[in-house]
């Protein structure tokens, strides 16, 4: 495959993902994870702010009535609006199916607005019998509207070209606490259990070290689980809606190679900073 050299750990492409996918060899990828725009109908923005204690010129009030001045360090955005979302996704799903190995795995991350239609597209591409899981990533952060139940989960659809040949690396998976540890005994409770199809994991903290200031950045913990479960050591991971590059970061940490694609210059700027100390990562 021309997309990554033998000595490289990762390649980041700046360009139209459909064009770049066309240059990837058939059945050459072990794992595909994509987090496409959710078609919210809005422009998604993320501002990075710095706050400085300033009793006289402060524009916001903090704990104990202390005044702070805020300075905008950066602002990033992408347009999350499509006239025909299905027509946008369908050719990209076909290319994903073509480049994925028979033993490969396909994870598709979406929210409630488009999940129903995307499931039908995935089934039409990979086959309904090759659909394995609807994974619910649940979190508890953000606004709480009063006119409906607060939306505090995303959906990750998990399919494969041939579900019967799927490889799952259970020994590398992180374990999670039992909800009723008293029912399973102290030994099992101490070891924890393998994750189910409901994943409780916080979002990337707006003020934490992991935050890169990119809209819709996903947490490393979620991507680590996917990479460890569904890609062999030194295998190849592909994300053609790369955004902030979390998929590549998880792949690097876990000893896998990666190919990332995005056409947003701001995404490329974030990824350049993210991988600037990794000599095995090349930008195209």
C-alpha atoms as a PDB file:
ATOM      1  CA  UNK A   1       0.000   0.000   0.000  1.00  0.00           C
ATOM      2  CA  UNK A   2       1.454   3.352  -0.987  1.00  0.00           C
ATOM      3  CA  UNK A   3      -0.139   5.250   1.905  1.00  0.00           C
ATOM      4  CA  UNK A   4       2.481   4.292   4.533  1.00  0.00           C
ATOM      5  CA  UNK A   5       6.096   3.193   4.311  1.00  0.00           C
ATOM      6  CA  UNK A   6       7.524   0.116   6.013  1.00  0.00           C
ATOM      7  CA  UNK A   7       9.601   2.185   8.444  1.00  0.00           C
ATOM      8  CA  UNK A   8       6.836   4.659   9.307  1.00  0.00           C
ATOM      9  CA  UNK A   9       4.524   4.538  12.288  1.00  0.00           C
ATOM     10  CA  UNK A  10       1.914   6.863  10.819  1.00  0.00           C
ATOM     11  CA  UNK A  11       0.910   9.022   7.868  1.00  0.00           C
ATOM     12  CA  UNK A  12      -1.415  12.032   7.962  1.00  0.00           C
ATOM     13  CA  UNK A  13      -3.036  13.086   4.680  1.00  0.00           C
ATOM     14  CA  UNK A  14      -4.489  16.532   4.055  1.00  0.00           C
ATOM     15  CA  UNK A  15      -7.150  16.230   1.369  1.00  0.00           C
ATOM     16  CA  UNK A  16     -10.465  14.795   0.221  1.00  0.00           C
ATOM     17  CA  UNK A  17     -10.858  11.453   1.962  1.00  0.00           C
ATOM     18  CA  UNK A  18     -12.705   9.887  -0.976  1.00  0.00           C
ATOM     19  CA  UNK A  19      -9.778  10.601  -3.298  1.00  0.00           C
ATOM     20  CA  UNK A  20      -7.218   9.349  -0.783  1.00  0.00           C
ATOM     21  CA  UNK A  21      -9.226   6.199  -0.031  1.00  0.00           C
ATOM     22  CA  UNK A  22      -9.128   5.359  -3.750  1.00  0.00           C
ATOM     23  CA  UNK A  23      -5.331   5.084  -3.491  1.00  0.00           C
ATOM     24  CA  UNK A  24      -5.359   2.530  -0.656  1.00  0.00           C
ATOM     25  CA  UNK A  25      -4.946  -1.141  -1.580  1.00  0.00           C
ATOM     26  CA  UNK A  26      -7.773  -3.660  -1.304  1.00  0.00           C
ATOM     27  CA  UNK A  27      -7.969  -5.556   2.008  1.00  0.00           C
ATOM     28  CA  UNK A  28      -4.910  -3.843   3.492  1.00  0.00           C
ATOM     29  CA  UNK A  29      -6.333  -2.301   6.689  1.00  0.00           C
ATOM     30  CA  UNK A  30      -6.933  -4.120   9.998  1.00  0.00           C
ATOM     31  CA  UNK A  31      -9.169  -1.562  11.700  1.00  0.00           C
ATOM     32  CA  UNK A  32     -11.207   1.433  10.564  1.00  0.00           C
ATOM     33  CA  UNK A  33     -12.654   3.895  13.051  1.00  0.00           C
ATOM     34  CA  UNK A  34     -14.441   6.978  11.776  1.00  0.00           C
ATOM     35  CA  UNK A  35     -16.160   9.809  13.590  1.00  0.00           C
ATOM     36  CA  UNK A  36     -17.760  11.704  10.698  1.00  0.00           C
ATOM     37  CA  UNK A  37     -19.515  15.052  11.149  1.00  0.00           C
ATOM     38  CA  UNK A  38     -22.806  14.424  12.928  1.00  0.00           C
ATOM     39  CA  UNK A  39     -24.869  16.597  10.573  1.00  0.00           C
ATOM     40  CA  UNK A  40     -26.134  18.791  13.387  1.00  0.00           C
ATOM     41  CA  UNK A  41     -26.957  21.598  10.952  1.00  0.00           C
ATOM     42  CA  UNK A  42     -24.587  23.941  12.785  1.00  0.00           C
ATOM     43  CA  UNK A  43     -21.057  25.260  12.544  1.00  0.00           C
ATOM     44  CA  UNK A  44     -19.164  23.537  15.376  1.00  0.00           C
ATOM     45  CA  UNK A  45     -16.798  25.885  17.199  1.00  0.00           C
ATOM     46  CA  UNK A  46     -14.269  25.491  19.978  1.00  0.00           C
ATOM     47  CA  UNK A  47     -12.576  28.440  21.671  1.00  0.00           C
ATOM     48  CA  UNK A  48      -9.420  28.156  23.779  1.00  0.00           C
ATOM     49  CA  UNK A  49      -9.379  30.760  26.534  1.00  0.00           C
ATOM     50  CA  UNK A  50      -6.825  31.914  29.094  1.00  0.00           C
ATOM     51  CA  UNK A  51      -8.028  33.474  32.347  1.00  0.00           C
ATOM     52  CA  UNK A  52      -6.000  35.957  34.399  1.00  0.00           C
ATOM     53  CA  UNK A  53      -6.864  37.367  37.802  1.00  0.00           C
ATOM     54  CA  UNK A  54      -7.891  41.011  37.259  1.00  0.00           C
ATOM     55  CA  UNK A  55     -10.066  42.712  39.890  1.00  0.00           C
ATOM     56  CA  UNK A  56     -10.429  45.948  37.884  1.00  0.00           C
ATOM     57  CA  UNK A  57     -10.759  44.878  34.251  1.00  0.00           C
ATOM     58  CA  UNK A  58     -12.113  41.360  34.687  1.00  0.00           C
ATOM     59  CA  UNK A  59     -15.024  40.266  32.473  1.00  0.00           C
ATOM     60  CA  UNK A  60     -16.136  37.273  34.557  1.00  0.00           C
ATOM     61  CA  UNK A  61     -16.592  36.395  38.218  1.00  0.00           C
ATOM     62  CA  UNK A  62     -15.122  33.257  39.788  1.00  0.00           C
ATOM     63  CA  UNK A  63     -15.128  31.585  43.177  1.00  0.00           C
ATOM     64  CA  UNK A  64     -15.454  33.943  46.124  1.00  0.00           C
ATOM     65  CA  UNK A  65     -16.329  36.865  43.873  1.00  0.00           C
ATOM     66  CA  UNK A  66     -12.819  37.130  42.403  1.00  0.00           C
ATOM     67  CA  UNK A  67     -12.733  38.830  38.984  1.00  0.00           C
ATOM     68  CA  UNK A  68     -10.917  37.367  35.970  1.00  0.00           C
ATOM     69  CA  UNK A  69     -10.034  38.643  32.501  1.00  0.00           C
ATOM     70  CA  UNK A  70     -10.372  36.176  29.626  1.00  0.00           C
ATOM     71  CA  UNK A  71      -8.188  36.181  26.517  1.00  0.00           C
ATOM     72  CA  UNK A  72      -9.035  34.092  23.450  1.00  0.00           C
ATOM     73  CA  UNK A  73      -5.952  32.096  22.437  1.00  0.00           C
ATOM     74  CA  UNK A  74      -7.478  30.195  19.509  1.00  0.00           C
ATOM     75  CA  UNK A  75     -10.796  29.463  17.806  1.00  0.00           C
ATOM     76  CA  UNK A  76     -11.468  26.440  15.595  1.00  0.00           C
ATOM     77  CA  UNK A  77     -14.541  25.469  13.645  1.00  0.00           C
ATOM     78  CA  UNK A  78     -15.936  23.151  10.999  1.00  0.00           C
ATOM     79  CA  UNK A  79     -19.193  23.167   9.081  1.00  0.00           C
ATOM     80  CA  UNK A  80     -21.471  20.313  10.161  1.00  0.00           C
ATOM     81  CA  UNK A  81     -24.246  20.676   7.576  1.00  0.00           C
ATOM     82  CA  UNK A  82     -25.100  18.408   4.652  1.00  0.00           C
ATOM     83  CA  UNK A  83     -27.970  18.612   2.194  1.00  0.00           C
ATOM     84  CA  UNK A  84     -27.877  14.839   1.641  1.00  0.00           C
ATOM     85  CA  UNK A  85     -25.952  13.096   4.407  1.00  0.00           C
ATOM     86  CA  UNK A  86     -26.544   9.593   3.046  1.00  0.00           C
ATOM     87  CA  UNK A  87     -25.209  10.526  -0.387  1.00  0.00           C
ATOM     88  CA  UNK A  88     -22.105  11.966   1.294  1.00  0.00           C
ATOM     89  CA  UNK A  89     -21.439   8.838   3.372  1.00  0.00           C
ATOM     90  CA  UNK A  90     -22.342   6.016   0.989  1.00  0.00           C
ATOM     91  CA  UNK A  91     -19.306   6.119  -1.368  1.00  0.00           C
ATOM     92  CA  UNK A  92     -16.972   6.470   1.613  1.00  0.00           C
ATOM     93  CA  UNK A  93     -18.500   3.413   3.271  1.00  0.00           C
ATOM     94  CA  UNK A  94     -18.026   1.431   0.056  1.00  0.00           C
ATOM     95  CA  UNK A  95     -14.349   2.397  -0.004  1.00  0.00           C
ATOM     96  CA  UNK A  96     -14.011   1.462   3.668  1.00  0.00           C
ATOM     97  CA  UNK A  97     -15.420  -1.992   2.918  1.00  0.00           C
ATOM     98  CA  UNK A  98     -13.000  -2.425   0.001  1.00  0.00           C
ATOM     99  CA  UNK A  99      -9.818  -1.571   1.919  1.00  0.00           C
ATOM    100  CA  UNK A 100     -10.689  -3.533   5.084  1.00  0.00           C
ATOM    101  CA  UNK A 101      -9.301  -7.048   5.548  1.00  0.00           C
ATOM    102  CA  UNK A 102     -11.641 -10.018   5.894  1.00  0.00           C
ATOM    103  CA  UNK A 103     -10.518 -10.231   9.512  1.00  0.00           C
ATOM    104  CA  UNK A 104     -10.870  -6.485   9.975  1.00  0.00           C
ATOM    105  CA  UNK A 105     -13.212  -4.362  12.087  1.00  0.00           C
ATOM    106  CA  UNK A 106     -15.217  -1.246  11.264  1.00  0.00           C
ATOM    107  CA  UNK A 107     -16.360   1.237  13.940  1.00  0.00           C
ATOM    108  CA  UNK A 108     -18.681   4.104  13.010  1.00  0.00           C
ATOM    109  CA  UNK A 109     -19.218   6.843  15.608  1.00  0.00           C
ATOM    110  CA  UNK A 110     -22.384   8.968  15.358  1.00  0.00           C
ATOM    111  CA  UNK A 111     -25.014  10.655  17.534  1.00  0.00           C
ATOM    112  CA  UNK A 112     -28.777  10.313  17.795  1.00  0.00           C
ATOM    113  CA  UNK A 113     -29.629  12.681  14.934  1.00  0.00           C
ATOM    114  CA  UNK A 114     -28.389  10.368  12.165  1.00  0.00           C
ATOM    115  CA  UNK A 115     -27.833   6.982  13.839  1.00  0.00           C
ATOM    116  CA  UNK A 116     -30.962   5.325  12.394  1.00  0.00           C
ATOM    117  CA  UNK A 117     -30.132   6.179   8.780  1.00  0.00           C
ATOM    118  CA  UNK A 118     -26.437   5.368   9.179  1.00  0.00           C
ATOM    119  CA  UNK A 119     -27.241   1.896  10.514  1.00  0.00           C
ATOM    120  CA  UNK A 120     -29.172   1.142   7.304  1.00  0.00           C
ATOM    121  CA  UNK A 121     -26.249   2.365   5.169  1.00  0.00           C
ATOM    122  CA  UNK A 122     -23.761   0.250   7.117  1.00  0.00           C
ATOM    123  CA  UNK A 123     -25.950  -2.842   6.800  1.00  0.00           C
ATOM    124  CA  UNK A 124     -26.323  -2.259   3.061  1.00  0.00           C
ATOM    125  CA  UNK A 125     -22.524  -2.005   2.704  1.00  0.00           C
ATOM    126  CA  UNK A 126     -21.215  -4.673   5.084  1.00  0.00           C
ATOM    127  CA  UNK A 127     -24.277  -6.922   5.266  1.00  0.00           C
ATOM    128  CA  UNK A 128     -26.800  -7.139   8.085  1.00  0.00           C
ATOM    129  CA  UNK A 129     -25.347 -10.464   9.256  1.00  0.00           C
ATOM    130  CA  UNK A 130     -21.957  -8.777   9.707  1.00  0.00           C
ATOM    131  CA  UNK A 131     -23.322  -6.193  12.129  1.00  0.00           C
ATOM    132  CA  UNK A 132     -21.927  -7.026  15.581  1.00  0.00           C
ATOM    133  CA  UNK A 133     -22.781  -4.325  18.107  1.00  0.00           C
ATOM    134  CA  UNK A 134     -24.440  -1.022  18.771  1.00  0.00           C
ATOM    135  CA  UNK A 135     -22.040   0.329  21.383  1.00  0.00           C
ATOM    136  CA  UNK A 136     -23.338   3.092  23.604  1.00  0.00           C
ATOM    137  CA  UNK A 137     -20.706   5.511  24.852  1.00  0.00           C
ATOM    138  CA  UNK A 138     -22.330   7.190  27.866  1.00  0.00           C
ATOM    139  CA  UNK A 139     -21.022  10.266  29.667  1.00  0.00           C
ATOM    140  CA  UNK A 140     -22.384  12.873  32.047  1.00  0.00           C
ATOM    141  CA  UNK A 141     -21.276  16.384  31.154  1.00  0.00           C
ATOM    142  CA  UNK A 142     -22.678  19.464  29.456  1.00  0.00           C
ATOM    143  CA  UNK A 143     -26.034  21.193  29.208  1.00  0.00           C
ATOM    144  CA  UNK A 144     -29.321  19.804  30.531  1.00  0.00           C
ATOM    145  CA  UNK A 145     -32.376  20.950  28.571  1.00  0.00           C
ATOM    146  CA  UNK A 146     -35.672  21.117  30.434  1.00  0.00           C
ATOM    147  CA  UNK A 147     -37.917  20.090  27.542  1.00  0.00           C
ATOM    148  CA  UNK A 148     -36.496  16.564  26.994  1.00  0.00           C
ATOM    149  CA  UNK A 149     -34.223  13.944  28.534  1.00  0.00           C
ATOM    150  CA  UNK A 150     -30.630  15.258  28.346  1.00  0.00           C
ATOM    151  CA  UNK A 151     -28.722  13.553  25.511  1.00  0.00           C
ATOM    152  CA  UNK A 152     -25.678  12.022  27.225  1.00  0.00           C
ATOM    153  CA  UNK A 153     -24.517   9.294  24.874  1.00  0.00           C
ATOM    154  CA  UNK A 154     -23.092   8.653  21.409  1.00  0.00           C
ATOM    155  CA  UNK A 155     -23.558   5.521  19.309  1.00  0.00           C
ATOM    156  CA  UNK A 156     -20.690   3.477  17.860  1.00  0.00           C
ATOM    157  CA  UNK A 157     -21.765   0.889  15.286  1.00  0.00           C
ATOM    158  CA  UNK A 158     -19.447  -2.104  15.028  1.00  0.00           C
ATOM    159  CA  UNK A 159     -19.424  -4.203  11.843  1.00  0.00           C
ATOM    160  CA  UNK A 160     -16.996  -6.400   9.889  1.00  0.00           C
ATOM    161  CA  UNK A 161     -16.576  -7.539   6.276  1.00  0.00           C
ATOM    162  CA  UNK A 162     -16.928 -11.101   7.567  1.00  0.00           C
ATOM    163  CA  UNK A 163     -18.044 -11.324  11.167  1.00  0.00           C
ATOM    164  CA  UNK A 164     -17.056 -15.005  11.343  1.00  0.00           C
ATOM    165  CA  UNK A 165     -13.385 -14.128  10.736  1.00  0.00           C
ATOM    166  CA  UNK A 166     -13.277 -11.288  13.229  1.00  0.00           C
ATOM    167  CA  UNK A 167     -10.230 -11.172  15.499  1.00  0.00           C
ATOM    168  CA  UNK A 168     -10.746  -9.825  19.026  1.00  0.00           C
ATOM    169  CA  UNK A 169      -7.749  -9.361  21.314  1.00  0.00           C
ATOM    170  CA  UNK A 170      -9.520  -9.895  24.612  1.00  0.00           C
ATOM    171  CA  UNK A 171      -6.273 -10.220  26.559  1.00  0.00           C
ATOM    172  CA  UNK A 172      -5.378  -6.586  25.786  1.00  0.00           C
ATOM    173  CA  UNK A 173      -8.695  -5.091  26.851  1.00  0.00           C
ATOM    174  CA  UNK A 174      -9.015  -2.890  29.890  1.00  0.00           C
ATOM    175  CA  UNK A 175     -11.368  -4.172  32.559  1.00  0.00           C
ATOM    176  CA  UNK A 176     -14.172  -2.289  34.270  1.00  0.00           C
ATOM    177  CA  UNK A 177     -15.701  -2.583  37.764  1.00  0.00           C
ATOM    178  CA  UNK A 178     -18.667  -4.842  38.407  1.00  0.00           C
ATOM    179  CA  UNK A 179     -21.802  -2.880  39.241  1.00  0.00           C
ATOM    180  CA  UNK A 180     -22.620  -5.381  42.017  1.00  0.00           C
ATOM    181  CA  UNK A 181     -19.183  -6.620  43.186  1.00  0.00           C
ATOM    182  CA  UNK A 182     -20.713  -8.344  46.208  1.00  0.00           C
ATOM    183  CA  UNK A 183     -22.477 -10.829  43.916  1.00  0.00           C
ATOM    184  CA  UNK A 184     -19.325 -12.086  42.139  1.00  0.00           C
ATOM    185  CA  UNK A 185     -16.903 -12.602  45.014  1.00  0.00           C
ATOM    186  CA  UNK A 186     -13.718 -10.753  45.986  1.00  0.00           C
ATOM    187  CA  UNK A 187     -11.433 -12.348  43.362  1.00  0.00           C
ATOM    188  CA  UNK A 188     -13.627 -11.417  40.394  1.00  0.00           C
ATOM    189  CA  UNK A 189     -14.423  -8.031  41.882  1.00  0.00           C
ATOM    190  CA  UNK A 190     -10.702  -7.217  42.192  1.00  0.00           C
ATOM    191  CA  UNK A 191     -10.015  -8.305  38.592  1.00  0.00           C
ATOM    192  CA  UNK A 192     -13.013  -6.509  37.090  1.00  0.00           C
ATOM    193  CA  UNK A 193     -14.966  -7.588  34.034  1.00  0.00           C
ATOM    194  CA  UNK A 194     -14.573  -7.204  30.298  1.00  0.00           C
ATOM    195  CA  UNK A 195     -16.516  -4.250  28.891  1.00  0.00           C
ATOM    196  CA  UNK A 196     -20.009  -4.792  27.527  1.00  0.00           C
ATOM    197  CA  UNK A 197     -21.691  -2.787  24.753  1.00  0.00           C
ATOM    198  CA  UNK A 198     -22.270   0.147  27.147  1.00  0.00           C
ATOM    199  CA  UNK A 199     -19.126   2.187  27.809  1.00  0.00           C
ATOM    200  CA  UNK A 200     -19.117   4.715  30.626  1.00  0.00           C
ATOM    201  CA  UNK A 201     -16.293   7.170  29.966  1.00  0.00           C
ATOM    202  CA  UNK A 202     -16.050  10.891  30.561  1.00  0.00           C
ATOM    203  CA  UNK A 203     -15.658  13.300  27.660  1.00  0.00           C
ATOM    204  CA  UNK A 204     -12.383  15.171  27.180  1.00  0.00           C
ATOM    205  CA  UNK A 205     -12.300  17.712  29.974  1.00  0.00           C
ATOM    206  CA  UNK A 206     -12.485  21.302  28.646  1.00  0.00           C
ATOM    207  CA  UNK A 207      -9.715  22.251  31.091  1.00  0.00           C
ATOM    208  CA  UNK A 208      -7.731  18.987  31.186  1.00  0.00           C
ATOM    209  CA  UNK A 209      -4.289  18.181  29.753  1.00  0.00           C
ATOM    210  CA  UNK A 210      -5.780  15.999  27.028  1.00  0.00           C
ATOM    211  CA  UNK A 211      -7.760  18.880  25.521  1.00  0.00           C
ATOM    212  CA  UNK A 212      -6.316  20.242  22.271  1.00  0.00           C
ATOM    213  CA  UNK A 213      -8.948  22.882  21.545  1.00  0.00           C
ATOM    214  CA  UNK A 214     -10.539  21.025  18.610  1.00  0.00           C
ATOM    215  CA  UNK A 215     -14.339  20.676  18.333  1.00  0.00           C
ATOM    216  CA  UNK A 216     -15.668  17.157  18.943  1.00  0.00           C
ATOM    217  CA  UNK A 217     -12.327  15.761  20.183  1.00  0.00           C
ATOM    218  CA  UNK A 218     -12.867  12.206  21.454  1.00  0.00           C
ATOM    219  CA  UNK A 219     -11.147  10.784  24.562  1.00  0.00           C
ATOM    220  CA  UNK A 220      -8.089   8.590  24.241  1.00  0.00           C
ATOM    221  CA  UNK A 221      -9.609   6.010  26.574  1.00  0.00           C
ATOM    222  CA  UNK A 222     -12.408   5.189  24.127  1.00  0.00           C
ATOM    223  CA  UNK A 223     -10.023   4.874  21.167  1.00  0.00           C
ATOM    224  CA  UNK A 224      -7.507   2.816  23.143  1.00  0.00           C
ATOM    225  CA  UNK A 225     -10.204   0.238  23.848  1.00  0.00           C
ATOM    226  CA  UNK A 226     -11.169   0.002  20.180  1.00  0.00           C
ATOM    227  CA  UNK A 227      -7.555  -0.220  18.982  1.00  0.00           C
ATOM    228  CA  UNK A 228      -6.548  -2.841  21.561  1.00  0.00           C
ATOM    229  CA  UNK A 229      -9.609  -4.998  20.914  1.00  0.00           C
ATOM    230  CA  UNK A 230      -9.657  -4.918  17.132  1.00  0.00           C
ATOM    231  CA  UNK A 231      -6.180  -4.364  15.695  1.00  0.00           C
ATOM    232  CA  UNK A 232      -3.204  -6.757  16.039  1.00  0.00           C
ATOM    233  CA  UNK A 233       0.191  -5.553  17.203  1.00  0.00           C
ATOM    234  CA  UNK A 234       1.850  -3.596  14.376  1.00  0.00           C
ATOM    235  CA  UNK A 235      -1.424  -3.759  12.441  1.00  0.00           C
ATOM    236  CA  UNK A 236      -2.801  -0.825  10.462  1.00  0.00           C
ATOM    237  CA  UNK A 237      -5.513   1.557  11.698  1.00  0.00           C
ATOM    238  CA  UNK A 238      -7.328   3.940   9.347  1.00  0.00           C
ATOM    239  CA  UNK A 239      -9.360   7.022  10.291  1.00  0.00           C
ATOM    240  CA  UNK A 240     -10.463   9.150   7.337  1.00  0.00           C
ATOM    241  CA  UNK A 241     -12.323  11.751   9.425  1.00  0.00           C
ATOM    242  CA  UNK A 242      -9.303  12.250  11.662  1.00  0.00           C
ATOM    243  CA  UNK A 243     -10.127  15.573  13.346  1.00  0.00           C
ATOM    244  CA  UNK A 244      -7.712  16.064  16.237  1.00  0.00           C
ATOM    245  CA  UNK A 245      -5.913  12.759  15.534  1.00  0.00           C
ATOM    246  CA  UNK A 246      -6.979  10.820  18.637  1.00  0.00           C
ATOM    247  CA  UNK A 247      -7.163   7.558  16.650  1.00  0.00           C
ATOM    248  CA  UNK A 248      -3.535   7.957  15.591  1.00  0.00           C
ATOM    249  CA  UNK A 249      -2.436   8.836  19.119  1.00  0.00           C
ATOM    250  CA  UNK A 250      -4.107   5.693  20.489  1.00  0.00           C
ATOM    251  CA  UNK A 251      -2.529   3.583  17.739  1.00  0.00           C
ATOM    252  CA  UNK A 252       0.948   4.948  18.514  1.00  0.00           C
ATOM    253  CA  UNK A 253       0.555   4.315  22.225  1.00  0.00           C
ATOM    254  CA  UNK A 254      -0.567   0.740  21.633  1.00  0.00           C
ATOM    255  CA  UNK A 255       2.068  -0.258  19.068  1.00  0.00           C
ATOM    256  CA  UNK A 256      -0.061  -0.031  15.922  1.00  0.00           C
ATOM    257  CA  UNK A 257       0.520   1.903  12.686  1.00  0.00           C
ATOM    258  CA  UNK A 258      -1.988   4.420  11.345  1.00  0.00           C
ATOM    259  CA  UNK A 259      -3.221   6.406   8.364  1.00  0.00           C
ATOM    260  CA  UNK A 260      -5.213   9.567   9.097  1.00  0.00           C
ATOM    261  CA  UNK A 261      -7.079  11.775   6.618  1.00  0.00           C
ATOM    262  CA  UNK A 262      -8.752  15.162   7.020  1.00  0.00           C
ATOM    263  CA  UNK A 263      -9.445  18.094   4.715  1.00  0.00           C
ATOM    264  CA  UNK A 264      -9.783  20.735   7.440  1.00  0.00           C
ATOM    265  CA  UNK A 265      -6.611  22.883   7.726  1.00  0.00           C
ATOM    266  CA  UNK A 266      -7.359  23.478  11.402  1.00  0.00           C
ATOM    267  CA  UNK A 267      -7.431  19.726  12.030  1.00  0.00           C
ATOM    268  CA  UNK A 268      -4.044  19.405  10.334  1.00  0.00           C
ATOM    269  CA  UNK A 269      -2.663  22.195  12.523  1.00  0.00           C
ATOM    270  CA  UNK A 270      -3.796  20.359  15.662  1.00  0.00           C
ATOM    271  CA  UNK A 271      -2.362  17.045  14.446  1.00  0.00           C
ATOM    272  CA  UNK A 272       0.988  18.628  13.558  1.00  0.00           C
ATOM    273  CA  UNK A 273       1.310  19.838  17.116  1.00  0.00           C
ATOM    274  CA  UNK A 274       0.099  16.517  18.487  1.00  0.00           C
ATOM    275  CA  UNK A 275       2.656  14.434  16.577  1.00  0.00           C
ATOM    276  CA  UNK A 276       5.516  16.941  16.346  1.00  0.00           C
ATOM    277  CA  UNK A 277       7.788  14.825  18.572  1.00  0.00           C
ATOM    278  CA  UNK A 278       7.100  11.555  16.705  1.00  0.00           C
ATOM    279  CA  UNK A 279       9.731  11.147  13.994  1.00  0.00           C
ATOM    280  CA  UNK A 280       7.908   8.161  12.483  1.00  0.00           C
ATOM    281  CA  UNK A 281       4.852  10.255  11.542  1.00  0.00           C
ATOM    282  CA  UNK A 282       4.812  11.826   8.067  1.00  0.00           C
ATOM    283  CA  UNK A 283       2.479  14.553   6.765  1.00  0.00           C
ATOM    284  CA  UNK A 284       1.338  14.583   3.139  1.00  0.00           C
END
